[in-house]
């Protein structure tokens, strides 16, 4: 049985989190889950909102610096997340195969019971997050 369990969520950068929430919720029937704000090391603030449609979760991210992390006028998919079990083992296994992670797994508090996350880049530079929920 695989340790990879499926898609956790998709993160999308936006310059207007309220407009993005309204778009997905009013036009596409997403429901609001929760939101929070994080102070970044560079002095900026990151607003985060999670919205859901059945098993699909979108994480909307708005940086206090307009345009930060966004490409062109089409928005940017910041990352996608794969649910896993035993993240520490998986990361060590992938590192032994040459994958370079941005960090060691770190614990976060989400709307559930907490999780452990880690990021790496795919072959085209896409950012991939692995998440183990507790």
C-alpha atoms as a PDB file:
ATOM      1  CA  UNK A   1       0.000   0.000   0.000  1.00  0.00           C
ATOM      2  CA  UNK A   2       1.313   3.428  -0.933  1.00  0.00           C
ATOM      3  CA  UNK A   3       2.166   6.122   1.597  1.00  0.00           C
ATOM      4  CA  UNK A   4       0.825   8.683  -0.893  1.00  0.00           C
ATOM      5  CA  UNK A   5      -2.890   9.144  -0.208  1.00  0.00           C
ATOM      6  CA  UNK A   6      -4.102  11.725  -2.736  1.00  0.00           C
ATOM      7  CA  UNK A   7      -4.494  15.455  -3.308  1.00  0.00           C
ATOM      8  CA  UNK A   8      -4.783  17.516  -0.104  1.00  0.00           C
ATOM      9  CA  UNK A   9      -5.409  21.008  -1.523  1.00  0.00           C
ATOM     10  CA  UNK A  10      -4.411  23.510  -4.203  1.00  0.00           C
ATOM     11  CA  UNK A  11      -2.864  26.854  -3.172  1.00  0.00           C
ATOM     12  CA  UNK A  12      -3.612  29.869  -5.358  1.00  0.00           C
ATOM     13  CA  UNK A  13      -2.005  33.305  -4.965  1.00  0.00           C
ATOM     14  CA  UNK A  14      -4.377  36.267  -5.299  1.00  0.00           C
ATOM     15  CA  UNK A  15      -4.158  40.044  -4.929  1.00  0.00           C
ATOM     16  CA  UNK A  16      -7.743  40.176  -3.569  1.00  0.00           C
ATOM     17  CA  UNK A  17      -8.702  37.312  -1.296  1.00  0.00           C
ATOM     18  CA  UNK A  18     -12.250  38.606  -0.756  1.00  0.00           C
ATOM     19  CA  UNK A  19     -12.939  38.781  -4.512  1.00  0.00           C
ATOM     20  CA  UNK A  20     -11.471  35.285  -4.938  1.00  0.00           C
ATOM     21  CA  UNK A  21     -13.609  33.863  -2.118  1.00  0.00           C
ATOM     22  CA  UNK A  22     -16.673  35.515  -3.628  1.00  0.00           C
ATOM     23  CA  UNK A  23     -15.887  34.120  -7.102  1.00  0.00           C
ATOM     24  CA  UNK A  24     -15.468  30.515  -5.969  1.00  0.00           C
ATOM     25  CA  UNK A  25     -18.291  30.597  -3.429  1.00  0.00           C
ATOM     26  CA  UNK A  26     -20.916  32.452  -5.472  1.00  0.00           C
ATOM     27  CA  UNK A  27     -20.172  31.052  -8.919  1.00  0.00           C
ATOM     28  CA  UNK A  28     -18.822  27.573  -8.231  1.00  0.00           C
ATOM     29  CA  UNK A  29     -20.645  26.610  -5.001  1.00  0.00           C
ATOM     30  CA  UNK A  30     -17.549  26.387  -2.820  1.00  0.00           C
ATOM     31  CA  UNK A  31     -18.157  26.731   0.909  1.00  0.00           C
ATOM     32  CA  UNK A  32     -16.041  28.731   3.331  1.00  0.00           C
ATOM     33  CA  UNK A  33     -13.953  26.556   5.667  1.00  0.00           C
ATOM     34  CA  UNK A  34     -11.640  28.856   7.650  1.00  0.00           C
ATOM     35  CA  UNK A  35      -9.097  31.628   7.353  1.00  0.00           C
ATOM     36  CA  UNK A  36      -6.072  32.942   9.197  1.00  0.00           C
ATOM     37  CA  UNK A  37      -3.268  35.462   8.877  1.00  0.00           C
ATOM     38  CA  UNK A  38       0.474  34.812   9.113  1.00  0.00           C
ATOM     39  CA  UNK A  39       3.246  37.352   9.684  1.00  0.00           C
ATOM     40  CA  UNK A  40       6.099  36.565   7.275  1.00  0.00           C
ATOM     41  CA  UNK A  41       9.817  36.928   8.020  1.00  0.00           C
ATOM     42  CA  UNK A  42      10.134  39.686   5.388  1.00  0.00           C
ATOM     43  CA  UNK A  43       7.651  41.891   7.284  1.00  0.00           C
ATOM     44  CA  UNK A  44       4.730  41.169   4.974  1.00  0.00           C
ATOM     45  CA  UNK A  45       1.482  39.559   6.044  1.00  0.00           C
ATOM     46  CA  UNK A  46      -0.102  36.556   4.349  1.00  0.00           C
ATOM     47  CA  UNK A  47      -3.882  36.191   4.488  1.00  0.00           C
ATOM     48  CA  UNK A  48      -5.016  32.606   3.961  1.00  0.00           C
ATOM     49  CA  UNK A  49      -8.544  31.340   3.316  1.00  0.00           C
ATOM     50  CA  UNK A  50      -9.603  27.739   2.780  1.00  0.00           C
ATOM     51  CA  UNK A  51     -12.725  26.994   0.719  1.00  0.00           C
ATOM     52  CA  UNK A  52     -14.171  23.583  -0.116  1.00  0.00           C
ATOM     53  CA  UNK A  53     -16.292  21.868  -2.733  1.00  0.00           C
ATOM     54  CA  UNK A  54     -16.882  18.266  -1.695  1.00  0.00           C
ATOM     55  CA  UNK A  55     -13.382  16.697  -1.581  1.00  0.00           C
ATOM     56  CA  UNK A  56     -11.681  19.625  -3.355  1.00  0.00           C
ATOM     57  CA  UNK A  57     -10.024  22.261  -1.145  1.00  0.00           C
ATOM     58  CA  UNK A  58      -8.529  25.506  -2.414  1.00  0.00           C
ATOM     59  CA  UNK A  59      -6.193  27.566  -0.254  1.00  0.00           C
ATOM     60  CA  UNK A  60      -6.332  31.224  -1.302  1.00  0.00           C
ATOM     61  CA  UNK A  61      -3.229  33.250  -0.351  1.00  0.00           C
ATOM     62  CA  UNK A  62      -2.938  37.055  -0.406  1.00  0.00           C
ATOM     63  CA  UNK A  63       0.405  38.715   0.346  1.00  0.00           C
ATOM     64  CA  UNK A  64       0.261  42.239   1.807  1.00  0.00           C
ATOM     65  CA  UNK A  65       2.592  43.312  -1.037  1.00  0.00           C
ATOM     66  CA  UNK A  66       0.386  43.433  -4.170  1.00  0.00           C
ATOM     67  CA  UNK A  67       1.648  41.139  -6.935  1.00  0.00           C
ATOM     68  CA  UNK A  68       3.985  39.160  -4.683  1.00  0.00           C
ATOM     69  CA  UNK A  69       4.102  35.573  -5.915  1.00  0.00           C
ATOM     70  CA  UNK A  70       1.803  36.286  -8.846  1.00  0.00           C
ATOM     71  CA  UNK A  71       2.687  35.900 -12.503  1.00  0.00           C
ATOM     72  CA  UNK A  72       1.045  37.930 -15.256  1.00  0.00           C
ATOM     73  CA  UNK A  73      -2.681  38.595 -15.113  1.00  0.00           C
ATOM     74  CA  UNK A  74      -3.716  34.970 -14.822  1.00  0.00           C
ATOM     75  CA  UNK A  75      -2.860  34.439 -11.150  1.00  0.00           C
ATOM     76  CA  UNK A  76      -0.473  31.762 -10.002  1.00  0.00           C
ATOM     77  CA  UNK A  77      -0.854  28.326  -8.545  1.00  0.00           C
ATOM     78  CA  UNK A  78       1.495  28.581  -5.568  1.00  0.00           C
ATOM     79  CA  UNK A  79       1.618  24.857  -4.820  1.00  0.00           C
ATOM     80  CA  UNK A  80      -0.345  21.668  -4.676  1.00  0.00           C
ATOM     81  CA  UNK A  81      -0.388  19.340  -1.716  1.00  0.00           C
ATOM     82  CA  UNK A  82      -0.332  15.569  -1.527  1.00  0.00           C
ATOM     83  CA  UNK A  83      -1.654  13.779   1.558  1.00  0.00           C
ATOM     84  CA  UNK A  84       0.883  11.321   2.948  1.00  0.00           C
ATOM     85  CA  UNK A  85       1.508   9.136   5.922  1.00  0.00           C
ATOM     86  CA  UNK A  86       4.956   8.924   7.543  1.00  0.00           C
ATOM     87  CA  UNK A  87       6.329  12.198   6.122  1.00  0.00           C
ATOM     88  CA  UNK A  88       9.707  11.840   7.855  1.00  0.00           C
ATOM     89  CA  UNK A  89      10.311   8.477   6.176  1.00  0.00           C
ATOM     90  CA  UNK A  90       9.121   9.708   2.783  1.00  0.00           C
ATOM     91  CA  UNK A  91      11.330  12.804   2.879  1.00  0.00           C
ATOM     92  CA  UNK A  92      14.434  10.794   3.797  1.00  0.00           C
ATOM     93  CA  UNK A  93      13.656   8.298   1.042  1.00  0.00           C
ATOM     94  CA  UNK A  94      13.172  11.060  -1.549  1.00  0.00           C
ATOM     95  CA  UNK A  95      16.312  12.915  -0.429  1.00  0.00           C
ATOM     96  CA  UNK A  96      18.298   9.707  -0.935  1.00  0.00           C
ATOM     97  CA  UNK A  97      17.055   9.798  -4.536  1.00  0.00           C
ATOM     98  CA  UNK A  98      18.303  13.361  -5.068  1.00  0.00           C
ATOM     99  CA  UNK A  99      15.198  15.404  -4.226  1.00  0.00           C
ATOM    100  CA  UNK A 100      16.054  18.669  -2.483  1.00  0.00           C
ATOM    101  CA  UNK A 101      13.511  19.843   0.091  1.00  0.00           C
ATOM    102  CA  UNK A 102      13.092  23.483   1.136  1.00  0.00           C
ATOM    103  CA  UNK A 103      13.122  22.478   4.812  1.00  0.00           C
ATOM    104  CA  UNK A 104      12.853  19.615   7.205  1.00  0.00           C
ATOM    105  CA  UNK A 105       9.253  18.598   7.999  1.00  0.00           C
ATOM    106  CA  UNK A 106       7.626  21.174  10.270  1.00  0.00           C
ATOM    107  CA  UNK A 107       4.511  21.029  12.375  1.00  0.00           C
ATOM    108  CA  UNK A 108       1.608  23.397  11.712  1.00  0.00           C
ATOM    109  CA  UNK A 109      -1.811  23.884  13.258  1.00  0.00           C
ATOM    110  CA  UNK A 110      -4.626  23.660  10.762  1.00  0.00           C
ATOM    111  CA  UNK A 111      -8.373  23.491  11.297  1.00  0.00           C
ATOM    112  CA  UNK A 112      -8.086  19.826  12.194  1.00  0.00           C
ATOM    113  CA  UNK A 113      -5.703  18.344  14.754  1.00  0.00           C
ATOM    114  CA  UNK A 114      -2.492  19.666  13.277  1.00  0.00           C
ATOM    115  CA  UNK A 115      -0.193  18.440  10.570  1.00  0.00           C
ATOM    116  CA  UNK A 116       3.399  18.167   9.448  1.00  0.00           C
ATOM    117  CA  UNK A 117       4.442  19.657   6.095  1.00  0.00           C
ATOM    118  CA  UNK A 118       7.435  19.914   3.777  1.00  0.00           C
ATOM    119  CA  UNK A 119       7.985  21.421   0.304  1.00  0.00           C
ATOM    120  CA  UNK A 120      10.104  20.546  -2.720  1.00  0.00           C
ATOM    121  CA  UNK A 121      10.135  21.463  -6.413  1.00  0.00           C
ATOM    122  CA  UNK A 122       9.060  19.328  -9.344  1.00  0.00           C
ATOM    123  CA  UNK A 123      10.982  19.043 -12.620  1.00  0.00           C
ATOM    124  CA  UNK A 124       9.422  22.210 -14.091  1.00  0.00           C
ATOM    125  CA  UNK A 125       9.876  24.247 -10.924  1.00  0.00           C
ATOM    126  CA  UNK A 126       6.373  23.576  -9.601  1.00  0.00           C
ATOM    127  CA  UNK A 127       6.179  23.704  -5.808  1.00  0.00           C
ATOM    128  CA  UNK A 128       4.864  20.526  -4.193  1.00  0.00           C
ATOM    129  CA  UNK A 129       3.866  20.186  -0.553  1.00  0.00           C
ATOM    130  CA  UNK A 130       3.642  16.908   1.316  1.00  0.00           C
ATOM    131  CA  UNK A 131       1.268  16.948   4.309  1.00  0.00           C
ATOM    132  CA  UNK A 132       0.772  14.384   7.046  1.00  0.00           C
ATOM    133  CA  UNK A 133      -2.301  15.142   9.183  1.00  0.00           C
ATOM    134  CA  UNK A 134      -2.390  14.020  12.791  1.00  0.00           C
END
